[in-house]
Amino acid sequence: MAVITSGKTFANGEQLSASKLNQVITAATFNASDAVDGSTMTLIGGAMAVADSGITKAKIENVANMKALGNTSGSAAAPQEVAILDENDMSSDSDTSLATQQSIKAYANAAPLAQMKTNNVSGASVASDTESITLPNGLIIKTGFASGTGESVTVNFGTAFPNAVISVQLTQVGGTTSSSSNVRVNSISNSSLVMYSNTGSGVTGNYWQVIGR
């Protein structure tokens, strides 16, 4: 059976007219058994229409895992598979890939920590896990613990302050009497701190915090 049934059938010897010729097209209908598959496409009143089941993804293409159909070419082009990345640190830094909701949330939650820089410091009796924190406005906070006592307890910063030191705070740990609880700044520069720490009974060292920019 033909796919299309003409809207007008002519008999031998019949006179032609414009209106009769127009009916050939305007009144034509599709034949259900040959024109459509009944699943993706169907006929409504002799005209083609998308079936209720529609054109599903499976009927278009088998898309690979962690891929989506799209276009990242920068201009009009045929659809292609676009990668969906699940990277909590956004390490690939791709401008043509998508990110999962989970990785976006993890990255956003970790953003404040990403602004902090950890630097090991060297110097007498200074813990190696001293931390330097750089804030978004450029303010830098360096903190640590110096276990030494005496006239010249020196802390050499892992990285120097680029511009200047703003303030220093020292907190002595231990000490059995008020006279033994005595700590002060001897000198401060962009690259180091020298403090005096009382050697009295029970003194174990000093926490220090230096703020600069």
N, C-alpha and C. Protein backbone atom coordinates (compact mmCIF):
# COMPACT_ATOMS: atom_id res chain seq x y z
N MET A 1 0.85 -1.19 0.00
CA MET A 1 0.00 0.00 0.00
C MET A 1 0.89 1.25 0.00
N ALA A 2 0.42 2.25 -0.70
CA ALA A 2 1.18 3.49 -0.78
C ALA A 2 1.19 4.20 0.57
N VAL A 3 2.25 4.95 0.81
CA VAL A 3 2.36 5.72 2.04
C VAL A 3 1.33 6.82 2.09
N ILE A 4 1.08 7.47 0.93
CA ILE A 4 0.14 8.58 0.86
C ILE A 4 -1.01 8.20 -0.06
N THR A 5 -2.22 8.49 0.38
CA THR A 5 -3.41 8.33 -0.45
C THR A 5 -3.79 9.69 -1.02
N SER A 6 -3.81 9.80 -2.31
CA SER A 6 -4.11 11.07 -2.96
C SER A 6 -5.49 11.58 -2.55
N GLY A 7 -5.61 12.89 -2.48
CA GLY A 7 -6.89 13.49 -2.13
C GLY A 7 -7.88 13.55 -3.27
N LYS A 8 -7.44 13.16 -4.47
CA LYS A 8 -8.34 13.19 -5.64
C LYS A 8 -7.94 12.09 -6.60
N THR A 9 -8.91 11.33 -7.06
CA THR A 9 -8.67 10.30 -8.07
C THR A 9 -9.34 10.72 -9.38
N PHE A 10 -8.60 10.68 -10.45
CA PHE A 10 -9.11 11.10 -11.75
C PHE A 10 -9.54 9.88 -12.57
N ALA A 11 -10.62 10.07 -13.28
CA ALA A 11 -11.08 9.04 -14.21
C ALA A 11 -10.57 9.38 -15.61
N ASN A 12 -10.41 8.36 -16.42
CA ASN A 12 -9.97 8.60 -17.79
C ASN A 12 -10.94 9.54 -18.49
N GLY A 13 -10.38 10.54 -19.14
CA GLY A 13 -11.19 11.48 -19.88
C GLY A 13 -11.78 12.59 -19.04
N GLU A 14 -11.50 12.57 -17.70
CA GLU A 14 -12.07 13.62 -16.85
C GLU A 14 -11.36 14.94 -17.12
N GLN A 15 -12.13 16.02 -17.12
CA GLN A 15 -11.57 17.33 -17.36
C GLN A 15 -10.84 17.84 -16.11
N LEU A 16 -9.64 18.35 -16.31
CA LEU A 16 -8.86 18.86 -15.19
C LEU A 16 -9.22 20.31 -14.90
N SER A 17 -9.09 20.66 -13.60
CA SER A 17 -9.30 22.05 -13.19
C SER A 17 -8.33 22.35 -12.05
N ALA A 18 -8.12 23.62 -11.79
CA ALA A 18 -7.21 24.01 -10.72
C ALA A 18 -7.67 23.47 -9.37
N SER A 19 -8.94 23.54 -9.07
CA SER A 19 -9.46 23.08 -7.78
C SER A 19 -9.28 21.59 -7.61
N LYS A 20 -9.46 20.82 -8.72
CA LYS A 20 -9.28 19.38 -8.63
C LYS A 20 -7.80 19.02 -8.41
N LEU A 21 -6.92 19.77 -9.06
CA LEU A 21 -5.50 19.51 -8.87
C LEU A 21 -5.06 19.85 -7.45
N ASN A 22 -5.64 20.91 -6.88
CA ASN A 22 -5.29 21.28 -5.50
C ASN A 22 -5.69 20.20 -4.52
N GLN A 23 -6.80 19.49 -4.82
CA GLN A 23 -7.26 18.44 -3.91
C GLN A 23 -6.29 17.27 -3.83
N VAL A 24 -5.50 17.10 -4.88
CA VAL A 24 -4.54 16.01 -4.88
C VAL A 24 -3.62 16.10 -3.66
N ILE A 25 -3.26 17.37 -3.31
CA ILE A 25 -2.36 17.58 -2.18
C ILE A 25 -3.11 17.90 -0.90
N THR A 26 -4.02 18.88 -0.95
CA THR A 26 -4.66 19.37 0.27
C THR A 26 -5.53 18.31 0.95
N ALA A 27 -6.05 17.38 0.18
CA ALA A 27 -6.92 16.35 0.76
C ALA A 27 -6.22 15.01 0.91
N ALA A 28 -4.92 15.00 0.67
CA ALA A 28 -4.18 13.74 0.77
C ALA A 28 -4.06 13.32 2.24
N THR A 29 -3.98 12.01 2.47
CA THR A 29 -3.81 11.47 3.82
C THR A 29 -2.72 10.41 3.81
N PHE A 30 -2.14 10.18 5.02
CA PHE A 30 -1.12 9.13 5.16
C PHE A 30 -1.79 7.82 5.51
N ASN A 31 -1.19 6.74 5.08
CA ASN A 31 -1.70 5.41 5.39
C ASN A 31 -1.01 4.86 6.63
N ALA A 32 -1.80 4.48 7.62
CA ALA A 32 -1.27 4.09 8.93
C ALA A 32 -0.27 2.95 8.85
N SER A 33 -0.49 1.97 8.04
CA SER A 33 0.35 0.78 8.04
C SER A 33 1.71 1.02 7.41
N ASP A 34 1.85 2.05 6.56
CA ASP A 34 3.11 2.27 5.85
C ASP A 34 3.80 3.58 6.21
N ALA A 35 3.05 4.57 6.71
CA ALA A 35 3.63 5.90 6.93
C ALA A 35 4.22 6.07 8.33
N VAL A 36 3.71 5.35 9.33
CA VAL A 36 4.18 5.54 10.70
C VAL A 36 4.42 4.19 11.35
N ASP A 37 5.17 4.23 12.50
CA ASP A 37 5.48 2.97 13.19
C ASP A 37 4.49 2.67 14.31
N GLY A 38 3.61 3.63 14.62
CA GLY A 38 2.62 3.41 15.67
C GLY A 38 3.16 3.57 17.07
N SER A 39 4.49 3.72 17.20
CA SER A 39 5.11 3.87 18.50
C SER A 39 5.67 5.28 18.67
N THR A 40 6.59 5.65 17.79
CA THR A 40 7.14 7.00 17.84
C THR A 40 6.20 8.00 17.17
N MET A 41 5.69 7.62 15.97
CA MET A 41 4.77 8.47 15.21
C MET A 41 3.44 7.76 15.06
N THR A 42 2.39 8.58 15.03
CA THR A 42 1.05 8.03 14.83
C THR A 42 0.28 8.94 13.89
N LEU A 43 -0.95 8.53 13.52
CA LEU A 43 -1.79 9.35 12.64
C LEU A 43 -2.99 9.87 13.42
N ILE A 44 -3.28 11.15 13.24
CA ILE A 44 -4.48 11.75 13.80
C ILE A 44 -5.22 12.43 12.66
N GLY A 45 -6.37 11.88 12.29
CA GLY A 45 -7.13 12.44 11.18
C GLY A 45 -6.37 12.39 9.88
N GLY A 46 -5.54 11.37 9.71
CA GLY A 46 -4.78 11.22 8.48
C GLY A 46 -3.50 12.03 8.45
N ALA A 47 -3.22 12.81 9.51
CA ALA A 47 -1.99 13.61 9.57
C ALA A 47 -1.02 12.99 10.56
N MET A 48 0.26 13.12 10.29
CA MET A 48 1.28 12.57 11.18
C MET A 48 1.38 13.38 12.47
N ALA A 49 1.59 12.69 13.59
CA ALA A 49 1.79 13.35 14.88
C ALA A 49 2.71 12.47 15.72
N VAL A 50 3.41 13.10 16.68
CA VAL A 50 4.25 12.34 17.60
C VAL A 50 3.35 11.56 18.55
N ALA A 51 3.64 10.28 18.72
CA ALA A 51 2.83 9.43 19.59
C ALA A 51 3.03 9.83 21.05
N ASP A 52 2.09 9.39 21.91
CA ASP A 52 2.17 9.71 23.34
C ASP A 52 3.49 9.24 23.95
N SER A 53 3.99 8.10 23.50
CA SER A 53 5.26 7.59 24.02
C SER A 53 6.43 8.45 23.57
N GLY A 54 6.24 9.20 22.50
CA GLY A 54 7.22 10.17 22.05
C GLY A 54 8.50 9.58 21.51
N ILE A 55 9.42 10.48 21.26
CA ILE A 55 10.75 10.09 20.81
C ILE A 55 11.64 10.05 22.04
N THR A 56 11.93 8.90 22.55
CA THR A 56 12.69 8.76 23.78
C THR A 56 14.18 8.85 23.54
N LYS A 57 14.93 9.08 24.65
CA LYS A 57 16.39 9.14 24.55
C LYS A 57 16.97 7.87 23.98
N ALA A 58 16.39 6.74 24.36
CA ALA A 58 16.90 5.46 23.87
C ALA A 58 16.77 5.33 22.36
N LYS A 59 15.76 6.01 21.79
CA LYS A 59 15.56 5.95 20.34
C LYS A 59 16.44 6.94 19.61
N ILE A 60 17.08 7.84 20.35
CA ILE A 60 17.99 8.80 19.74
C ILE A 60 19.40 8.25 19.73
N GLU A 61 19.88 7.88 20.94
CA GLU A 61 21.26 7.43 21.05
C GLU A 61 21.49 6.81 22.42
N ASN A 62 22.39 5.85 22.49
CA ASN A 62 22.82 5.33 23.77
C ASN A 62 23.94 6.24 24.29
N VAL A 63 23.64 7.06 25.33
CA VAL A 63 24.61 8.02 25.85
C VAL A 63 25.48 7.33 26.89
N ALA A 64 26.79 7.54 26.80
CA ALA A 64 27.73 6.91 27.72
C ALA A 64 27.52 7.42 29.15
N ASN A 65 28.03 6.65 30.12
CA ASN A 65 27.93 7.03 31.53
C ASN A 65 28.61 8.36 31.79
N MET A 66 27.99 9.20 32.63
CA MET A 66 28.51 10.52 33.00
C MET A 66 28.70 11.41 31.78
N LYS A 67 27.76 11.32 30.84
CA LYS A 67 27.76 12.17 29.66
C LYS A 67 26.37 12.77 29.47
N ALA A 68 26.31 13.90 28.79
CA ALA A 68 25.04 14.53 28.43
C ALA A 68 25.16 15.02 27.00
N LEU A 69 24.04 15.08 26.30
CA LEU A 69 24.08 15.58 24.93
C LEU A 69 24.07 17.10 24.94
N GLY A 70 24.96 17.70 24.21
CA GLY A 70 25.03 19.15 24.15
C GLY A 70 25.98 19.61 23.07
N ASN A 71 26.28 20.89 23.10
CA ASN A 71 27.18 21.48 22.11
C ASN A 71 28.08 22.49 22.80
N THR A 72 29.37 22.25 22.79
CA THR A 72 30.33 23.16 23.42
C THR A 72 31.32 23.71 22.40
N SER A 73 30.95 23.69 21.13
CA SER A 73 31.87 24.10 20.07
C SER A 73 32.01 25.60 19.95
N GLY A 74 31.07 26.35 20.50
CA GLY A 74 31.11 27.80 20.36
C GLY A 74 30.29 28.32 19.21
N SER A 75 29.70 27.42 18.44
CA SER A 75 28.83 27.80 17.33
C SER A 75 27.83 26.68 17.10
N ALA A 76 26.90 26.88 16.18
CA ALA A 76 25.90 25.86 15.89
C ALA A 76 26.59 24.61 15.36
N ALA A 77 26.20 23.48 15.92
CA ALA A 77 26.81 22.22 15.51
C ALA A 77 25.91 21.07 15.93
N ALA A 78 26.20 19.89 15.44
CA ALA A 78 25.44 18.71 15.82
C ALA A 78 25.69 18.38 17.28
N PRO A 79 24.69 17.85 17.99
CA PRO A 79 24.88 17.49 19.40
C PRO A 79 25.99 16.46 19.56
N GLN A 80 26.69 16.55 20.67
CA GLN A 80 27.74 15.60 20.99
C GLN A 80 27.71 15.30 22.47
N GLU A 81 28.43 14.27 22.88
CA GLU A 81 28.47 13.92 24.30
C GLU A 81 29.36 14.91 25.05
N VAL A 82 28.83 15.46 26.14
CA VAL A 82 29.55 16.40 26.98
C VAL A 82 29.81 15.72 28.33
N ALA A 83 31.02 15.80 28.83
CA ALA A 83 31.40 15.11 30.07
C ALA A 83 30.73 15.75 31.28
N ILE A 84 30.30 14.91 32.23
CA ILE A 84 29.81 15.35 33.53
C ILE A 84 30.86 14.93 34.56
N LEU A 85 31.50 15.90 35.20
CA LEU A 85 32.61 15.61 36.10
C LEU A 85 32.17 15.68 37.56
N ASP A 86 32.62 14.70 38.34
CA ASP A 86 32.33 14.68 39.78
C ASP A 86 33.64 14.90 40.52
N GLU A 87 34.09 16.16 40.55
CA GLU A 87 35.38 16.51 41.15
C GLU A 87 35.14 17.54 42.25
N ASN A 88 35.38 17.13 43.49
CA ASN A 88 35.15 18.03 44.62
C ASN A 88 36.06 19.25 44.60
N ASP A 89 37.23 19.13 43.98
CA ASP A 89 38.17 20.25 43.94
C ASP A 89 38.19 20.95 42.59
N MET A 90 37.32 20.54 41.66
CA MET A 90 37.27 21.13 40.31
C MET A 90 38.66 21.15 39.66
N SER A 91 39.44 20.10 39.89
CA SER A 91 40.85 20.10 39.49
C SER A 91 41.06 20.17 37.99
N SER A 92 40.15 19.64 37.19
CA SER A 92 40.36 19.66 35.74
C SER A 92 40.16 21.05 35.14
N ASP A 93 39.41 21.91 35.85
CA ASP A 93 39.22 23.30 35.42
C ASP A 93 38.76 23.38 33.97
N SER A 94 37.80 22.55 33.60
CA SER A 94 37.34 22.46 32.21
C SER A 94 36.29 23.53 31.92
N ASP A 95 36.38 24.12 30.71
CA ASP A 95 35.36 25.09 30.29
C ASP A 95 34.37 24.47 29.32
N THR A 96 34.42 23.14 29.17
CA THR A 96 33.48 22.47 28.27
C THR A 96 32.80 21.27 28.94
N SER A 97 32.91 21.16 30.27
CA SER A 97 32.31 20.04 30.99
C SER A 97 31.31 20.53 32.02
N LEU A 98 30.42 19.65 32.43
CA LEU A 98 29.43 19.94 33.46
C LEU A 98 29.92 19.40 34.79
N ALA A 99 29.39 19.94 35.89
CA ALA A 99 29.75 19.48 37.23
C ALA A 99 28.51 18.91 37.92
N THR A 100 28.71 17.88 38.77
CA THR A 100 27.60 17.31 39.50
C THR A 100 27.20 18.24 40.65
N GLN A 101 25.97 18.10 41.10
CA GLN A 101 25.49 18.89 42.23
C GLN A 101 26.36 18.64 43.46
N GLN A 102 26.75 17.38 43.68
CA GLN A 102 27.54 17.03 44.86
C GLN A 102 28.90 17.72 44.83
N SER A 103 29.55 17.74 43.65
CA SER A 103 30.88 18.35 43.58
C SER A 103 30.80 19.86 43.73
N ILE A 104 29.74 20.48 43.23
CA ILE A 104 29.57 21.93 43.39
C ILE A 104 29.41 22.27 44.86
N LYS A 105 28.60 21.48 45.58
CA LYS A 105 28.37 21.73 47.00
C LYS A 105 29.67 21.55 47.78
N ALA A 106 30.43 20.48 47.48
CA ALA A 106 31.68 20.23 48.19
C ALA A 106 32.68 21.35 47.93
N TYR A 107 32.75 21.83 46.69
CA TYR A 107 33.69 22.89 46.35
C TYR A 107 33.32 24.19 47.05
N ALA A 108 32.01 24.50 47.07
CA ALA A 108 31.56 25.73 47.72
C ALA A 108 31.82 25.69 49.23
N ASN A 109 31.61 24.51 49.84
CA ASN A 109 31.84 24.39 51.28
C ASN A 109 33.32 24.55 51.64
N ALA A 110 34.18 24.12 50.72
CA ALA A 110 35.62 24.17 50.99
C ALA A 110 36.26 25.49 50.58
N ALA A 111 35.50 26.38 49.96
CA ALA A 111 36.07 27.62 49.43
C ALA A 111 36.81 28.44 50.48
N PRO A 112 36.27 28.63 51.69
CA PRO A 112 37.03 29.42 52.68
C PRO A 112 38.38 28.81 53.02
N LEU A 113 38.44 27.47 53.06
CA LEU A 113 39.71 26.82 53.37
C LEU A 113 40.71 26.98 52.24
N ALA A 114 40.20 27.09 51.01
CA ALA A 114 41.09 27.24 49.86
C ALA A 114 41.81 28.57 49.87
N GLN A 115 41.29 29.53 50.64
CA GLN A 115 41.93 30.84 50.73
C GLN A 115 43.05 30.86 51.77
N MET A 116 43.21 29.76 52.49
CA MET A 116 44.25 29.69 53.51
C MET A 116 45.49 29.00 52.95
N LYS A 117 46.64 29.50 53.30
CA LYS A 117 47.90 28.93 52.84
C LYS A 117 48.68 28.43 54.05
N THR A 118 49.05 27.18 54.02
CA THR A 118 49.81 26.59 55.12
C THR A 118 51.29 26.54 54.75
N ASN A 119 52.12 27.13 55.61
CA ASN A 119 53.56 27.17 55.37
C ASN A 119 54.31 26.63 56.59
N ASN A 120 55.26 25.72 56.37
CA ASN A 120 56.13 25.27 57.45
C ASN A 120 57.16 26.35 57.75
N VAL A 121 57.42 26.57 59.03
CA VAL A 121 58.41 27.58 59.42
C VAL A 121 59.64 26.88 59.95
N SER A 122 60.77 27.58 59.90
CA SER A 122 62.00 27.03 60.45
C SER A 122 62.51 27.97 61.52
N GLY A 123 63.25 27.46 62.46
CA GLY A 123 63.77 28.29 63.54
C GLY A 123 63.82 27.51 64.83
N ALA A 124 64.49 28.07 65.82
CA ALA A 124 64.69 27.37 67.08
C ALA A 124 63.36 27.10 67.78
N SER A 125 63.13 25.85 68.08
CA SER A 125 61.98 25.42 68.89
C SER A 125 60.64 25.89 68.34
N VAL A 126 60.51 25.93 67.05
CA VAL A 126 59.24 26.33 66.43
C VAL A 126 58.60 25.12 65.77
N ALA A 127 57.33 24.89 66.07
CA ALA A 127 56.65 23.73 65.52
C ALA A 127 56.57 23.83 64.00
N SER A 128 56.67 22.69 63.34
CA SER A 128 56.71 22.69 61.88
C SER A 128 55.34 22.85 61.23
N ASP A 129 54.26 22.81 62.04
CA ASP A 129 52.94 22.92 61.45
C ASP A 129 52.34 24.32 61.64
N THR A 130 53.21 25.34 61.83
CA THR A 130 52.73 26.71 61.96
C THR A 130 51.95 27.09 60.70
N GLU A 131 50.87 27.80 60.89
CA GLU A 131 49.97 28.07 59.77
C GLU A 131 49.92 29.55 59.43
N SER A 132 49.96 29.83 58.14
CA SER A 132 49.80 31.19 57.64
C SER A 132 48.50 31.26 56.88
N ILE A 133 47.63 32.18 57.27
CA ILE A 133 46.31 32.30 56.66
C ILE A 133 46.22 33.63 55.93
N THR A 134 45.92 33.59 54.65
CA THR A 134 45.74 34.80 53.86
C THR A 134 44.26 35.00 53.61
N LEU A 135 43.71 36.11 54.09
CA LEU A 135 42.30 36.42 53.94
C LEU A 135 42.03 37.08 52.60
N PRO A 136 40.76 37.05 52.14
CA PRO A 136 40.44 37.61 50.82
C PRO A 136 40.82 39.09 50.68
N ASN A 137 40.81 39.84 51.77
CA ASN A 137 41.14 41.27 51.68
C ASN A 137 42.64 41.54 51.73
N GLY A 138 43.46 40.49 51.74
CA GLY A 138 44.90 40.64 51.74
C GLY A 138 45.54 40.59 53.10
N LEU A 139 44.73 40.58 54.17
CA LEU A 139 45.28 40.49 55.53
C LEU A 139 45.85 39.10 55.75
N ILE A 140 47.03 39.03 56.37
CA ILE A 140 47.71 37.75 56.59
C ILE A 140 47.86 37.53 58.09
N ILE A 141 47.46 36.34 58.56
CA ILE A 141 47.58 35.97 59.96
C ILE A 141 48.52 34.77 60.06
N LYS A 142 49.59 34.92 60.82
CA LYS A 142 50.52 33.81 61.07
C LYS A 142 50.43 33.43 62.54
N THR A 143 50.31 32.14 62.81
CA THR A 143 50.18 31.68 64.19
C THR A 143 51.08 30.48 64.42
N GLY A 144 51.45 30.25 65.68
CA GLY A 144 52.25 29.09 65.99
C GLY A 144 52.57 29.00 67.47
N PHE A 145 53.40 28.02 67.81
CA PHE A 145 53.82 27.81 69.20
C PHE A 145 55.34 27.67 69.22
N ALA A 146 56.00 28.49 70.07
CA ALA A 146 57.45 28.41 70.26
C ALA A 146 57.72 27.81 71.63
N SER A 147 58.36 26.67 71.66
CA SER A 147 58.55 25.95 72.92
C SER A 147 59.76 26.42 73.72
N GLY A 148 60.61 27.26 73.12
CA GLY A 148 61.80 27.71 73.83
C GLY A 148 61.51 28.82 74.82
N THR A 149 62.43 29.03 75.75
CA THR A 149 62.38 30.15 76.69
C THR A 149 63.75 30.82 76.73
N GLY A 150 63.79 32.04 77.23
CA GLY A 150 65.07 32.74 77.32
C GLY A 150 64.99 34.11 76.67
N GLU A 151 66.18 34.69 76.46
CA GLU A 151 66.26 36.06 75.97
C GLU A 151 65.89 36.21 74.51
N SER A 152 66.21 35.24 73.69
CA SER A 152 66.04 35.41 72.24
C SER A 152 65.40 34.19 71.61
N VAL A 153 64.14 33.99 71.88
CA VAL A 153 63.40 32.90 71.23
C VAL A 153 62.99 33.42 69.85
N THR A 154 63.52 32.81 68.82
CA THR A 154 63.34 33.32 67.46
C THR A 154 62.38 32.46 66.66
N VAL A 155 61.48 33.11 65.97
CA VAL A 155 60.56 32.44 65.04
C VAL A 155 60.84 33.01 63.65
N ASN A 156 61.30 32.18 62.74
CA ASN A 156 61.49 32.58 61.35
C ASN A 156 60.27 32.15 60.55
N PHE A 157 59.58 33.12 59.97
CA PHE A 157 58.37 32.80 59.22
C PHE A 157 58.72 32.01 57.96
N GLY A 158 57.84 31.08 57.61
CA GLY A 158 58.05 30.30 56.38
C GLY A 158 58.08 31.20 55.16
N THR A 159 57.22 32.20 55.14
CA THR A 159 57.22 33.22 54.09
C THR A 159 57.08 34.58 54.77
N ALA A 160 57.81 35.55 54.29
CA ALA A 160 57.78 36.87 54.91
C ALA A 160 56.49 37.61 54.55
N PHE A 161 56.09 38.53 55.40
CA PHE A 161 54.99 39.42 55.06
C PHE A 161 55.41 40.29 53.88
N PRO A 162 54.62 40.40 52.85
CA PRO A 162 55.02 41.17 51.66
C PRO A 162 55.21 42.66 51.96
N ASN A 163 54.41 43.22 52.88
CA ASN A 163 54.43 44.66 53.09
C ASN A 163 54.85 45.08 54.50
N ALA A 164 54.08 44.68 55.51
CA ALA A 164 54.38 45.16 56.86
C ALA A 164 53.69 44.30 57.90
N VAL A 165 54.20 44.38 59.14
CA VAL A 165 53.57 43.74 60.29
C VAL A 165 52.66 44.77 60.95
N ILE A 166 51.46 44.35 61.34
CA ILE A 166 50.50 45.25 61.95
C ILE A 166 50.45 45.08 63.46
N SER A 167 50.42 43.83 63.92
CA SER A 167 50.35 43.60 65.36
C SER A 167 50.92 42.23 65.73
N VAL A 168 51.32 42.09 67.01
CA VAL A 168 51.85 40.84 67.54
C VAL A 168 51.17 40.55 68.87
N GLN A 169 50.81 39.29 69.07
CA GLN A 169 50.23 38.88 70.35
C GLN A 169 50.95 37.64 70.84
N LEU A 170 51.39 37.66 72.11
CA LEU A 170 52.09 36.53 72.71
C LEU A 170 51.32 36.04 73.93
N THR A 171 51.23 34.73 74.09
CA THR A 171 50.56 34.15 75.24
C THR A 171 51.44 33.05 75.82
N GLN A 172 51.94 33.26 77.04
CA GLN A 172 52.83 32.29 77.66
C GLN A 172 52.03 31.11 78.21
N VAL A 173 52.61 29.93 78.11
CA VAL A 173 51.99 28.71 78.61
C VAL A 173 52.77 28.23 79.82
N GLY A 174 52.08 28.04 80.93
CA GLY A 174 52.73 27.56 82.15
C GLY A 174 53.17 28.71 83.02
N GLY A 175 53.97 28.40 84.02
CA GLY A 175 54.41 29.40 84.99
C GLY A 175 53.63 29.26 86.28
N THR A 176 54.36 29.09 87.40
CA THR A 176 53.70 28.84 88.68
C THR A 176 53.39 30.10 89.45
N THR A 177 54.06 31.21 89.14
CA THR A 177 53.83 32.46 89.85
C THR A 177 53.69 33.59 88.84
N SER A 178 53.21 34.73 89.30
CA SER A 178 53.04 35.87 88.42
C SER A 178 54.38 36.36 87.88
N SER A 179 55.45 36.21 88.68
CA SER A 179 56.76 36.66 88.24
C SER A 179 57.32 35.82 87.11
N SER A 180 56.88 34.56 87.04
CA SER A 180 57.39 33.68 85.99
C SER A 180 56.60 33.81 84.70
N SER A 181 55.46 34.46 84.75
CA SER A 181 54.62 34.63 83.57
C SER A 181 54.96 35.96 82.91
N ASN A 182 56.02 35.96 82.14
CA ASN A 182 56.52 37.20 81.55
C ASN A 182 57.03 36.90 80.16
N VAL A 183 56.40 37.50 79.14
CA VAL A 183 56.84 37.33 77.77
C VAL A 183 56.65 38.66 77.05
N ARG A 184 57.58 38.99 76.16
CA ARG A 184 57.48 40.26 75.44
C ARG A 184 58.18 40.13 74.08
N VAL A 185 57.92 41.08 73.22
CA VAL A 185 58.54 41.12 71.90
C VAL A 185 59.87 41.86 72.01
N ASN A 186 60.94 41.21 71.60
CA ASN A 186 62.24 41.88 71.52
C ASN A 186 62.38 42.63 70.20
N SER A 187 62.00 41.97 69.12
CA SER A 187 62.04 42.61 67.81
C SER A 187 61.10 41.88 66.86
N ILE A 188 60.65 42.61 65.83
CA ILE A 188 59.75 42.02 64.84
C ILE A 188 60.10 42.60 63.48
N SER A 189 60.10 41.75 62.47
CA SER A 189 60.32 42.19 61.09
C SER A 189 59.35 41.43 60.20
N ASN A 190 59.41 41.69 58.92
CA ASN A 190 58.52 41.00 57.99
C ASN A 190 58.83 39.52 57.88
N SER A 191 60.02 39.12 58.31
CA SER A 191 60.42 37.72 58.13
C SER A 191 60.62 36.95 59.43
N SER A 192 60.66 37.64 60.59
CA SER A 192 60.92 36.91 61.83
C SER A 192 60.40 37.66 63.05
N LEU A 193 60.25 36.91 64.13
CA LEU A 193 59.84 37.43 65.43
C LEU A 193 60.85 36.96 66.47
N VAL A 194 61.34 37.88 67.30
CA VAL A 194 62.23 37.51 68.40
C VAL A 194 61.55 37.94 69.70
N MET A 195 61.41 36.99 70.62
CA MET A 195 60.70 37.28 71.87
C MET A 195 61.56 36.91 73.07
N TYR A 196 61.28 37.57 74.18
CA TYR A 196 61.85 37.17 75.46
C TYR A 196 60.79 36.38 76.20
N SER A 197 61.17 35.23 76.73
CA SER A 197 60.24 34.40 77.48
C SER A 197 60.88 34.01 78.80
N ASN A 198 60.19 34.34 79.90
CA ASN A 198 60.70 34.03 81.23
C ASN A 198 60.95 32.53 81.36
N THR A 199 62.06 32.20 81.99
CA THR A 199 62.43 30.79 82.16
C THR A 199 61.96 30.23 83.50
N GLY A 200 60.99 30.90 84.12
CA GLY A 200 60.52 30.48 85.43
C GLY A 200 59.93 29.09 85.44
N SER A 201 59.72 28.59 86.63
CA SER A 201 59.23 27.22 86.82
C SER A 201 57.87 27.04 86.14
N GLY A 202 57.75 25.96 85.39
CA GLY A 202 56.48 25.61 84.77
C GLY A 202 56.24 26.20 83.40
N VAL A 203 57.08 27.14 82.96
CA VAL A 203 56.90 27.74 81.63
C VAL A 203 57.30 26.74 80.56
N THR A 204 56.40 26.46 79.62
CA THR A 204 56.68 25.49 78.56
C THR A 204 56.87 26.13 77.20
N GLY A 205 56.50 27.38 77.06
CA GLY A 205 56.65 28.04 75.76
C GLY A 205 55.60 29.12 75.58
N ASN A 206 55.45 29.58 74.34
CA ASN A 206 54.55 30.69 74.06
C ASN A 206 53.82 30.51 72.74
N TYR A 207 52.51 30.73 72.80
CA TYR A 207 51.74 30.84 71.56
C TYR A 207 51.95 32.25 71.01
N TRP A 208 52.10 32.36 69.71
CA TRP A 208 52.28 33.67 69.10
C TRP A 208 51.33 33.85 67.91
N GLN A 209 50.95 35.07 67.71
CA GLN A 209 50.10 35.41 66.55
C GLN A 209 50.58 36.76 66.00
N VAL A 210 50.90 36.76 64.72
CA VAL A 210 51.35 37.98 64.07
C VAL A 210 50.42 38.28 62.90
N ILE A 211 49.95 39.52 62.85
CA ILE A 211 49.05 39.96 61.78
C ILE A 211 49.78 41.00 60.92
N GLY A 212 49.69 40.84 59.63
CA GLY A 212 50.33 41.77 58.71
C GLY A 212 49.63 41.80 57.38
N ARG A 213 50.29 42.36 56.42
CA ARG A 213 49.74 42.46 55.06
C ARG A 213 50.88 42.41 54.03
